[in-house]
Protein backbone atom coordinates (compact mmCIF):
# COMPACT_ATOMS: atom_id res chain seq x y z
CA MET A 1 32.71 -12.67 -6.13
CA GLU A 2 29.66 -10.55 -6.04
CA THR A 3 30.29 -7.86 -3.57
CA ILE A 4 26.55 -8.67 -2.03
CA CYS A 5 28.37 -11.77 -1.12
CA LEU A 6 30.91 -10.41 1.30
CA PRO A 7 30.95 -10.61 4.79
CA LEU A 8 30.22 -6.94 5.15
CA ALA A 9 27.40 -4.90 7.48
CA PRO A 10 24.45 -4.54 4.77
CA SER A 11 24.70 -0.69 4.97
CA GLN A 12 28.49 -1.04 3.63
CA ARG A 13 27.44 -3.23 0.96
CA ALA A 14 24.98 -1.02 -0.23
CA LYS A 15 27.11 2.04 -0.45
CA LEU A 16 29.82 0.19 -2.20
CA VAL A 17 27.23 -0.87 -4.78
CA SER A 18 26.30 2.05 -5.30
CA ALA A 19 29.64 3.28 -5.75
CA GLY A 20 30.06 0.91 -8.69
CA TYR A 21 32.01 -1.87 -7.14
CA ARG A 22 29.56 -4.83 -7.84
CA THR A 23 32.62 -7.66 -7.87
CA LEU A 24 35.59 -8.33 -6.47
CA ASP A 25 37.50 -7.67 -9.67
CA SER A 26 36.23 -4.00 -9.73
CA PHE A 27 38.18 -3.66 -6.97
CA THR A 28 41.84 -5.29 -8.55
CA SER A 29 43.23 -1.83 -10.25
CA LEU A 30 42.45 0.74 -7.33
CA SER A 31 45.02 2.23 -5.28
CA PRO A 32 44.47 2.73 -1.33
CA CYS A 33 44.03 6.68 -1.86
CA ASP A 34 41.11 5.67 -4.70
CA LEU A 35 39.27 3.90 -2.60
CA ALA A 36 39.65 6.35 0.69
CA ARG A 37 37.97 9.17 -1.62
CA GLY A 38 34.82 10.53 -0.55
CA ALA A 39 35.39 9.26 2.70
CA LYS A 40 33.44 10.46 5.25
CA THR A 41 34.02 11.02 9.33
CA ALA A 42 31.74 8.95 11.74
CA TRP A 43 30.84 12.59 12.93
CA ASP A 44 29.31 13.49 9.87
CA LEU A 45 27.24 9.85 9.93
CA LEU A 46 26.28 10.57 13.13
CA CYS A 47 24.52 13.70 12.04
CA GLU A 48 23.61 12.71 8.93
CA GLU A 49 21.41 9.68 10.67
CA LYS A 50 19.83 12.25 13.15
CA THR A 51 19.25 14.56 10.97
CA MET A 52 17.29 12.46 8.52
CA LYS A 53 13.72 12.44 8.44
CA ARG A 54 12.09 8.55 8.66
CA ILE A 55 8.58 8.19 6.62
CA VAL A 56 6.13 7.32 9.83
CA THR A 57 3.45 4.77 10.22
CA PHE A 58 1.07 6.36 11.99
CA CYS A 59 1.11 3.26 14.54
CA GLU A 60 3.55 4.77 17.67
CA ASP A 61 5.29 1.62 19.02
CA LEU A 62 5.98 0.36 15.63
CA ASP A 63 7.28 3.51 14.99
CA VAL A 64 9.32 3.79 17.87
CA ILE A 65 10.77 0.08 17.42
CA LEU A 66 11.48 1.15 13.55
CA GLY A 67 13.50 4.32 15.37
CA GLY A 68 11.08 7.22 14.28
CA GLY A 69 9.81 5.15 11.13
CA ILE A 70 11.28 3.51 7.88
CA SER A 71 14.95 4.94 7.28
CA ARG A 72 15.99 6.31 3.71
CA LYS A 73 19.11 5.02 2.35
CA GLU A 74 18.21 1.65 3.36
CA VAL A 75 16.47 -1.54 2.02
CA THR A 76 14.00 -2.61 4.65
CA GLU A 77 12.09 -5.87 3.99
CA VAL A 78 8.94 -6.76 5.61
CA GLY A 79 7.56 -10.63 5.82
CA GLY A 80 5.01 -12.37 7.21
CA VAL A 81 2.18 -14.86 6.21
CA PRO A 82 -0.98 -13.99 3.78
CA GLY A 83 -3.76 -11.59 5.36
CA ILE A 84 -1.45 -10.36 8.43
CA GLY A 85 -1.10 -6.83 6.54
CA LYS A 86 2.09 -6.63 4.04
CA THR A 87 -0.03 -4.91 1.47
CA GLN A 88 -1.52 -2.45 4.18
CA LEU A 89 1.70 -1.32 4.83
CA GLY A 90 2.76 -0.58 1.91
CA ILE A 91 0.07 1.60 0.90
CA GLN A 92 0.07 3.41 4.27
CA LEU A 93 3.61 4.01 3.47
CA ALA A 94 2.77 4.94 -0.19
CA ILE A 95 0.68 7.58 1.66
CA ASN A 96 2.67 9.19 4.62
CA VAL A 97 5.44 9.70 2.33
CA GLN A 98 3.31 12.60 0.78
CA ILE A 99 2.82 14.45 4.32
CA PRO A 100 3.69 17.81 3.69
CA VAL A 101 7.27 19.20 5.33
CA GLU A 102 4.79 21.70 7.10
CA PHE A 103 3.43 18.71 8.86
CA GLY A 104 7.24 17.33 10.23
CA GLY A 105 7.17 14.90 6.62
CA LEU A 106 8.92 14.36 3.50
CA GLY A 107 6.53 16.30 0.85
CA GLY A 108 7.74 13.09 -1.43
CA LYS A 109 6.25 10.70 -4.01
CA ALA A 110 5.94 7.14 -4.08
CA ILE A 111 6.99 4.60 -6.90
CA TYR A 112 4.86 1.14 -6.04
CA ILE A 113 5.60 -2.12 -8.23
CA ASP A 114 2.67 -4.50 -7.68
CA THR A 115 4.04 -8.22 -8.42
CA GLU A 116 0.90 -10.08 -7.08
CA GLY A 117 -2.41 -7.79 -8.03
CA SER A 118 -2.73 -6.78 -4.64
CA PHE A 119 -2.89 -3.24 -5.21
CA MET A 120 -6.42 -2.01 -4.39
CA VAL A 121 -7.32 1.39 -5.19
CA GLU A 122 -10.51 2.05 -3.58
CA ARG A 123 -7.93 0.85 -0.27
CA VAL A 124 -5.90 4.08 -1.41
CA CYS A 125 -8.40 6.12 -1.55
CA GLN A 126 -9.57 5.02 2.18
CA ILE A 127 -6.38 5.52 3.30
CA ALA A 128 -5.46 8.93 1.92
CA GLU A 129 -8.90 9.95 3.54
CA ALA A 130 -7.77 8.95 7.23
CA CYS A 131 -4.20 10.59 6.61
CA ILE A 132 -5.71 13.82 5.67
CA GLU A 133 -8.32 13.69 8.87
CA LYS A 134 -5.28 12.67 10.86
CA LEU A 135 -3.00 15.92 9.62
CA LYS A 136 -5.70 18.09 10.66
CA ASP A 137 -4.76 17.07 14.53
CA ILE A 138 -0.69 17.63 13.53
CA PRO A 139 0.34 20.80 14.66
CA CYS A 140 1.86 22.71 11.73
CA SER A 141 5.85 24.49 11.28
CA SER A 142 4.29 27.78 10.19
CA GLU A 143 1.02 28.63 11.95
CA ARG A 144 0.27 31.10 8.60
CA LYS A 145 0.47 27.89 6.45
CA VAL A 146 -1.58 25.73 8.65
CA GLU A 147 -5.13 26.13 6.53
CA GLU A 148 -3.39 26.70 3.43
CA CYS A 149 -2.14 23.33 3.48
CA ARG A 150 -4.95 21.85 4.95
CA THR A 151 -7.37 22.96 2.73
CA LYS A 152 -5.23 21.96 -0.25
CA LEU A 153 -4.64 18.34 0.95
CA LYS A 154 -6.54 16.32 -1.59
CA VAL A 155 -7.35 12.20 -1.82
CA ASP A 156 -6.91 13.01 -6.13
CA ASP A 157 -3.26 14.57 -5.09
CA PHE A 158 -2.47 11.79 -2.99
CA LEU A 159 -3.26 9.27 -5.54
CA SER A 160 -1.39 11.61 -8.34
CA ASN A 161 1.58 11.00 -5.93
CA ILE A 162 1.75 7.31 -6.22
CA PHE A 163 3.50 5.78 -9.51
CA TYR A 164 2.34 2.62 -10.10
CA PHE A 165 3.96 -0.48 -11.86
CA ARG A 166 2.47 -4.10 -12.59
CA ALA A 167 4.97 -6.57 -13.02
CA CYS A 168 3.51 -10.03 -14.06
CA ASN A 169 6.79 -11.62 -14.51
CA TYR A 170 10.07 -12.00 -13.34
CA THR A 171 11.28 -10.26 -16.26
CA GLU A 172 9.33 -7.52 -16.16
CA GLN A 173 9.81 -7.04 -12.36
CA ILE A 174 13.65 -6.75 -13.08
CA ALA A 175 12.98 -4.52 -15.97
CA VAL A 176 10.91 -2.11 -14.09
CA ILE A 177 13.49 -2.29 -11.02
CA ASN A 178 16.49 -1.71 -14.25
CA SER A 179 14.18 1.34 -15.44
CA MET A 180 14.16 3.06 -11.81
CA ASP A 181 17.46 5.44 -12.48
CA LYS A 182 15.46 6.99 -15.34
CA PHE A 183 12.46 7.47 -14.26
CA ILE A 184 13.29 8.78 -10.65
CA GLU A 185 15.74 11.42 -12.57
CA GLU A 186 12.58 12.55 -14.49
CA HIS A 187 9.99 12.72 -11.73
CA ASP A 188 11.73 14.11 -8.62
CA LYS A 189 10.68 13.87 -5.26
CA VAL A 190 10.24 10.16 -5.21
CA LYS A 191 11.30 8.70 -1.71
CA ILE A 192 10.19 5.55 -1.59
CA ILE A 193 10.08 2.46 -3.60
CA ILE A 194 7.81 -0.20 -2.44
CA VAL A 195 7.88 -3.74 -4.04
CA ASP A 196 4.91 -6.10 -2.87
CA SER A 197 6.15 -8.78 -3.50
CA VAL A 198 9.71 -9.12 -4.02
CA THR A 199 9.31 -13.01 -4.09
CA PHE A 200 5.88 -13.88 -6.29
CA HIS A 201 7.80 -14.42 -9.47
CA PHE A 202 10.87 -15.93 -8.04
CA ARG A 203 8.83 -18.48 -6.15
CA GLN A 204 6.73 -19.69 -9.28
CA ASP A 205 8.56 -19.66 -12.19
CA PHE A 206 12.01 -20.82 -11.46
CA GLU A 207 13.49 -24.49 -11.88
CA ASP A 208 17.02 -23.48 -11.89
CA LEU A 209 17.99 -22.08 -8.66
CA ALA A 210 21.29 -21.10 -9.35
CA LEU A 211 19.64 -18.93 -12.03
CA ARG A 212 17.21 -17.55 -9.31
CA THR A 213 20.14 -16.52 -7.21
CA ARG A 214 21.99 -14.57 -9.51
CA LEU A 215 19.05 -12.54 -10.70
CA LEU A 216 18.38 -11.81 -7.19
CA GLY A 217 21.70 -11.10 -6.26
CA GLY A 218 21.66 -8.50 -9.40
CA MET A 219 18.45 -7.29 -8.47
CA ALA A 220 19.22 -6.58 -4.71
CA GLN A 221 22.39 -4.66 -5.98
CA LYS A 222 20.36 -2.49 -8.02
CA LEU A 223 17.93 -1.36 -5.46
CA MET A 224 20.56 -1.13 -2.79
CA ARG A 225 21.96 1.40 -4.99
CA LEU A 226 18.71 3.44 -5.65
CA ALA A 227 18.53 3.45 -2.05
CA GLU A 228 21.58 5.16 -1.46
CA LYS A 229 22.22 7.09 -4.76
CA TYR A 230 18.70 8.76 -4.47
CA ASP A 231 18.40 9.43 -0.66
CA THR A 232 15.21 7.15 -1.42
CA ALA A 233 13.47 4.41 1.29
CA VAL A 234 13.72 0.64 -0.39
CA VAL A 235 10.56 -1.33 1.18
CA LEU A 236 10.13 -5.19 0.03
CA MET A 237 7.64 -7.22 0.71
CA ASN A 238 8.04 -11.01 1.40
CA GLN A 239 6.53 -13.90 1.71
CA VAL A 240 7.25 -16.37 4.13
CA THR A 241 7.97 -20.68 3.74
CA THR A 242 8.84 -23.37 6.20
CA LYS A 243 12.35 -24.44 7.95
CA MET A 244 13.22 -27.48 9.77
CA SER A 245 15.08 -26.07 13.04
CA GLY A 246 15.53 -27.56 16.49
CA GLY A 247 13.07 -30.57 14.95
CA SER A 248 10.20 -28.28 14.41
CA PHE A 249 9.17 -26.46 11.51
CA GLN A 250 9.31 -22.64 11.77
CA LEU A 251 8.27 -19.91 9.22
CA VAL A 252 11.24 -18.03 7.66
CA PRO A 253 11.12 -15.24 5.26
CA ALA A 254 11.14 -16.81 1.75
CA LEU A 255 14.05 -16.87 -0.93
CA GLY A 256 17.20 -18.43 1.24
CA GLU A 257 19.71 -17.50 3.21
CA SER A 258 21.92 -15.58 0.44
CA TRP A 259 18.49 -12.85 0.25
CA SER A 260 18.78 -12.56 3.76
CA HIS A 261 21.88 -10.22 2.82
CA ALA A 262 20.31 -8.05 0.57
CA CYS A 263 18.13 -5.96 3.12
CA THR A 264 19.43 -3.44 5.68
CA ASN A 265 16.62 -3.80 7.77
CA ARG A 266 13.90 -7.00 8.09
CA VAL A 267 10.62 -7.06 10.23
CA LEU A 268 8.54 -9.60 10.51
CA LEU A 269 4.86 -8.98 10.85
CA TYR A 270 3.04 -11.93 12.82
CA TRP A 271 -0.03 -12.78 14.58
CA ASN A 272 -0.03 -13.06 18.36
CA GLY A 273 -3.71 -14.53 19.39
CA ASP A 274 -5.99 -11.87 17.53
CA ASN A 275 -3.22 -9.31 17.81
CA ARG A 276 -0.80 -8.11 15.00
CA PHE A 277 2.67 -7.88 16.06
CA ALA A 278 6.23 -6.75 14.03
CA TYR A 279 9.23 -7.56 15.29
CA ILE A 280 12.62 -6.54 14.21
CA ASP A 281 14.35 -9.48 13.04
CA LYS A 282 17.65 -8.22 11.78
CA SER A 283 19.29 -4.49 11.77
CA PRO A 284 22.89 -3.18 12.26
CA SER A 285 21.30 0.03 13.46
CA LEU A 286 17.98 -1.20 15.82
CA ARG A 287 17.77 -3.62 18.28
CA SER A 288 15.35 -6.35 18.37
CA ALA A 289 12.01 -5.73 19.71
CA SER A 290 8.36 -6.31 19.17
CA ALA A 291 5.41 -3.83 19.13
CA PRO A 292 1.86 -4.01 18.41
CA PHE A 293 -0.38 -2.66 15.51
CA SER A 294 -4.02 -2.94 14.40
CA ILE A 295 -5.00 -2.42 10.28
CA THR A 296 -8.43 -0.13 10.22
CA THR A 297 -10.29 1.52 7.53
CA GLY A 298 -8.15 4.17 8.25
CA GLY A 299 -4.82 2.04 7.84
CA ILE A 300 -2.35 1.08 10.11
CA CYS A 301 -2.78 2.48 13.76
CA ASN A 302 -2.25 1.82 17.28
CA LEU A 303 -3.28 -1.39 18.27
CA GLU A 304 -7.49 -1.24 19.88
CA HIS A 305 -9.99 -3.64 20.63
CA TYR A 306 -10.74 -4.81 17.00
CA LYS A 307 -11.25 -8.02 15.62
CA ARG A 308 -9.36 -9.92 13.70
CA ILE A 309 -9.62 -8.69 10.14
CA LYS A 310 -7.39 -10.49 7.59
CA MET A 311 -5.92 -8.32 4.92
CA THR A 312 -3.05 -9.12 2.48
């Protein structure tokens, strides 16, 4: 049995996988002392959680239900219908992870794995320009550096810090993810990996569902290990499908029940009338809650009175 199938919390499974324990057989030769090595106290975990910086979305209501933003060392799945804004959120996070430390950000870099061909450089430029404008209103930790930081913020720099991979089939998608260890070690400050979408090729190319399940399980283990090992956030965009429940059809994230164990947090995006909402569907640390958000030319923001504009 693979570790990902064990009835444990997603964060615990991620730690086991990151430590190299991928199957039950990997535990058979270990003594209790071996398993206890590297243990942390609950106090250590609490302090780590409180001091960890998150990646903000620029929508205050959404950041609140996310506990301050997208968490690092965890896998977060974002699901929703076409046009709800999954790609827009992915691009926003790829920009916001680069907010300088002086402004409370991570000063990091992003990896964007595009499986659908929906990544638009023009859109990245728009969101980067809006981010620069927003940072002008954010207090800087060092007033002496505030003007220096703001004058150095350029759209070209934001683009240079997003590493883009185009995966045209599931083989390329798996190969890219398997190459991430070496890539991240060669490119420091990578703080987020975005896969948009994790679903596309696995819904199109497969007739052997057993093989698909095995490949998805291996990919999920790899992503969990990357998140834990490199202190990075992993964000997976997912499509939705219909499922019969209680005599009616419901929209649910694609790839089935087994895949639902692959993520630490699951966020569902949905329409309520003409407004977009995000719902925390699953998380070991966040309570279930909804928050409205909007998409404008400048990216993700608080809900205002905008007309409904469909964006992927």
